[in-house]
Amino acid sequence: MNDFTKEELQQIRGGLDWWLDNDWHSSHVLVQKIQSMIDNYCEHECNHENIDTNICYKCGWGIGR
């Protein structure tokens, strides 16, 4: 599921580097999670021929769920 655009995730990632600079461990874990979301970001695409199975054929996520 993509609640954020890839660009928004990149902005969050950049802000975390600055904001959490004083707490390296917490910021490192959080930055890794955000970076993983960026790395695994999927521009969902589905087969619109079968509207009942509106599932992304790239990642398997059910679009609209």
N, C-alpha and C. Protein backbone atom coordinates (compact mmCIF):
# COMPACT_ATOMS: atom_id res chain seq x y z
N MET A 1 0.85 -1.17 0.00
CA MET A 1 0.00 0.00 0.00
C MET A 1 0.90 1.23 0.00
N ASN A 2 0.54 2.22 -0.78
CA ASN A 2 1.31 3.45 -0.89
C ASN A 2 0.47 4.62 -0.36
N ASP A 3 0.63 4.93 0.93
CA ASP A 3 -0.05 6.08 1.50
C ASP A 3 0.68 7.37 1.13
N PHE A 4 1.96 7.26 0.82
CA PHE A 4 2.77 8.40 0.43
C PHE A 4 3.23 8.21 -1.01
N THR A 5 3.48 9.33 -1.67
CA THR A 5 4.13 9.24 -2.98
C THR A 5 5.62 8.97 -2.72
N LYS A 6 6.32 8.52 -3.74
CA LYS A 6 7.75 8.27 -3.60
C LYS A 6 8.47 9.58 -3.24
N GLU A 7 8.05 10.68 -3.83
CA GLU A 7 8.66 11.98 -3.55
C GLU A 7 8.44 12.38 -2.09
N GLU A 8 7.25 12.13 -1.55
CA GLU A 8 6.98 12.45 -0.15
C GLU A 8 7.86 11.61 0.78
N LEU A 9 8.03 10.33 0.45
CA LEU A 9 8.91 9.48 1.25
C LEU A 9 10.34 10.00 1.23
N GLN A 10 10.79 10.47 0.07
CA GLN A 10 12.15 11.01 -0.03
C GLN A 10 12.29 12.28 0.80
N GLN A 11 11.24 13.10 0.86
CA GLN A 11 11.28 14.31 1.68
C GLN A 11 11.33 13.94 3.16
N ILE A 12 10.55 12.95 3.57
CA ILE A 12 10.56 12.49 4.96
C ILE A 12 11.94 11.96 5.31
N ARG A 13 12.51 11.17 4.42
CA ARG A 13 13.85 10.59 4.63
C ARG A 13 14.88 11.68 4.83
N GLY A 14 14.84 12.71 4.01
CA GLY A 14 15.79 13.82 4.14
C GLY A 14 15.59 14.59 5.43
N GLY A 15 14.34 14.79 5.81
CA GLY A 15 14.06 15.51 7.05
C GLY A 15 14.50 14.74 8.28
N LEU A 16 14.40 13.43 8.23
CA LEU A 16 14.81 12.62 9.38
C LEU A 16 16.31 12.73 9.63
N ASP A 17 17.09 12.81 8.57
CA ASP A 17 18.54 12.97 8.74
C ASP A 17 18.85 14.21 9.56
N TRP A 18 18.13 15.27 9.31
CA TRP A 18 18.36 16.53 10.01
C TRP A 18 17.73 16.51 11.41
N TRP A 19 16.48 16.07 11.49
CA TRP A 19 15.69 16.17 12.72
C TRP A 19 16.19 15.24 13.82
N LEU A 20 16.55 14.03 13.47
CA LEU A 20 16.92 13.03 14.46
C LEU A 20 18.43 12.87 14.63
N ASP A 21 19.18 13.86 14.24
CA ASP A 21 20.63 13.78 14.27
C ASP A 21 21.19 13.50 15.66
N ASN A 22 20.48 13.90 16.72
CA ASN A 22 20.98 13.72 18.09
C ASN A 22 20.73 12.33 18.66
N ASP A 23 19.87 11.55 18.07
CA ASP A 23 19.56 10.20 18.57
C ASP A 23 19.84 9.23 17.44
N TRP A 24 21.11 8.86 17.28
CA TRP A 24 21.55 8.09 16.12
C TRP A 24 20.81 6.78 15.98
N HIS A 25 20.63 6.01 17.06
CA HIS A 25 20.01 4.69 16.95
C HIS A 25 18.57 4.81 16.46
N SER A 26 17.77 5.66 17.08
CA SER A 26 16.37 5.81 16.67
C SER A 26 16.28 6.32 15.24
N SER A 27 17.12 7.29 14.91
CA SER A 27 17.05 7.86 13.57
C SER A 27 17.51 6.82 12.54
N HIS A 28 18.52 6.03 12.87
CA HIS A 28 19.03 5.01 11.95
C HIS A 28 17.95 3.99 11.62
N VAL A 29 17.24 3.50 12.62
CA VAL A 29 16.18 2.52 12.42
C VAL A 29 15.05 3.13 11.59
N LEU A 30 14.64 4.34 11.93
CA LEU A 30 13.55 4.99 11.21
C LEU A 30 13.94 5.30 9.77
N VAL A 31 15.15 5.78 9.57
CA VAL A 31 15.63 6.08 8.23
C VAL A 31 15.68 4.81 7.39
N GLN A 32 16.13 3.69 7.99
CA GLN A 32 16.15 2.42 7.26
C GLN A 32 14.75 2.00 6.82
N LYS A 33 13.76 2.18 7.68
CA LYS A 33 12.39 1.81 7.33
C LYS A 33 11.86 2.68 6.19
N ILE A 34 12.11 3.98 6.27
CA ILE A 34 11.66 4.89 5.20
C ILE A 34 12.40 4.56 3.91
N GLN A 35 13.70 4.31 3.99
CA GLN A 35 14.47 3.98 2.79
C GLN A 35 13.96 2.68 2.17
N SER A 36 13.57 1.72 2.99
CA SER A 36 13.01 0.47 2.49
C SER A 36 11.69 0.72 1.75
N MET A 37 10.87 1.63 2.29
CA MET A 37 9.62 1.98 1.61
C MET A 37 9.91 2.62 0.25
N ILE A 38 10.95 3.46 0.18
CA ILE A 38 11.33 4.10 -1.08
C ILE A 38 11.83 3.04 -2.06
N ASP A 39 12.71 2.16 -1.58
CA ASP A 39 13.31 1.13 -2.44
C ASP A 39 12.26 0.17 -2.99
N ASN A 40 11.23 -0.11 -2.21
CA ASN A 40 10.22 -1.08 -2.59
C ASN A 40 8.94 -0.44 -3.11
N TYR A 41 8.99 0.85 -3.40
CA TYR A 41 7.81 1.57 -3.86
C TYR A 41 7.29 0.97 -5.17
N CYS A 42 6.00 0.81 -5.26
CA CYS A 42 5.39 0.22 -6.46
C CYS A 42 4.37 1.20 -7.04
N GLU A 43 4.52 1.51 -8.31
CA GLU A 43 3.50 2.25 -9.04
C GLU A 43 2.49 1.20 -9.50
N HIS A 44 1.48 0.96 -8.68
CA HIS A 44 0.55 -0.15 -8.90
C HIS A 44 -0.07 -0.13 -10.29
N GLU A 45 -0.09 -1.31 -10.88
CA GLU A 45 -0.74 -1.51 -12.16
C GLU A 45 -1.53 -2.81 -12.06
N CYS A 46 -2.72 -2.81 -12.62
CA CYS A 46 -3.53 -4.02 -12.55
C CYS A 46 -4.16 -4.31 -13.90
N ASN A 47 -4.66 -5.50 -14.00
CA ASN A 47 -5.35 -5.95 -15.20
C ASN A 47 -6.80 -5.49 -15.08
N HIS A 48 -7.17 -4.48 -15.83
CA HIS A 48 -8.52 -3.92 -15.73
C HIS A 48 -9.56 -4.73 -16.47
N GLU A 49 -9.13 -5.80 -17.13
CA GLU A 49 -10.10 -6.65 -17.82
C GLU A 49 -10.96 -7.40 -16.82
N ASN A 50 -10.41 -7.76 -15.69
CA ASN A 50 -11.16 -8.46 -14.65
C ASN A 50 -11.29 -7.54 -13.45
N ILE A 51 -12.35 -6.76 -13.41
CA ILE A 51 -12.52 -5.72 -12.39
C ILE A 51 -12.68 -6.30 -10.98
N ASP A 52 -13.09 -7.56 -10.88
CA ASP A 52 -13.28 -8.18 -9.57
C ASP A 52 -11.96 -8.48 -8.86
N THR A 53 -10.88 -8.63 -9.61
CA THR A 53 -9.59 -8.98 -9.01
C THR A 53 -8.61 -7.82 -9.04
N ASN A 54 -9.00 -6.64 -9.02
CA ASN A 54 -8.21 -5.42 -9.07
C ASN A 54 -6.91 -5.54 -8.26
N ILE A 55 -5.99 -6.41 -8.71
CA ILE A 55 -4.75 -6.70 -8.00
C ILE A 55 -3.56 -6.27 -8.86
N CYS A 56 -2.62 -5.61 -8.25
CA CYS A 56 -1.41 -5.17 -8.95
C CYS A 56 -0.62 -6.39 -9.40
N TYR A 57 -0.30 -6.45 -10.68
CA TYR A 57 0.45 -7.60 -11.18
C TYR A 57 1.95 -7.46 -10.92
N LYS A 58 2.40 -6.30 -10.45
CA LYS A 58 3.82 -6.13 -10.11
C LYS A 58 4.11 -6.63 -8.70
N CYS A 59 3.26 -6.25 -7.75
CA CYS A 59 3.57 -6.59 -6.35
C CYS A 59 2.50 -7.44 -5.66
N GLY A 60 1.35 -7.61 -6.31
CA GLY A 60 0.30 -8.45 -5.74
C GLY A 60 -0.64 -7.73 -4.79
N TRP A 61 -0.43 -6.44 -4.56
CA TRP A 61 -1.29 -5.69 -3.64
C TRP A 61 -2.67 -5.50 -4.24
N GLY A 62 -3.70 -5.66 -3.44
CA GLY A 62 -5.06 -5.43 -3.88
C GLY A 62 -5.37 -3.96 -3.89
N ILE A 63 -5.45 -3.37 -5.07
CA ILE A 63 -5.72 -1.93 -5.20
C ILE A 63 -7.14 -1.66 -4.74
N GLY A 64 -7.29 -0.63 -3.93
CA GLY A 64 -8.60 -0.25 -3.42
C GLY A 64 -8.94 -0.94 -2.10
N ARG A 65 -8.03 -1.76 -1.58
CA ARG A 65 -8.29 -2.43 -0.31
C ARG A 65 -7.91 -1.56 0.85
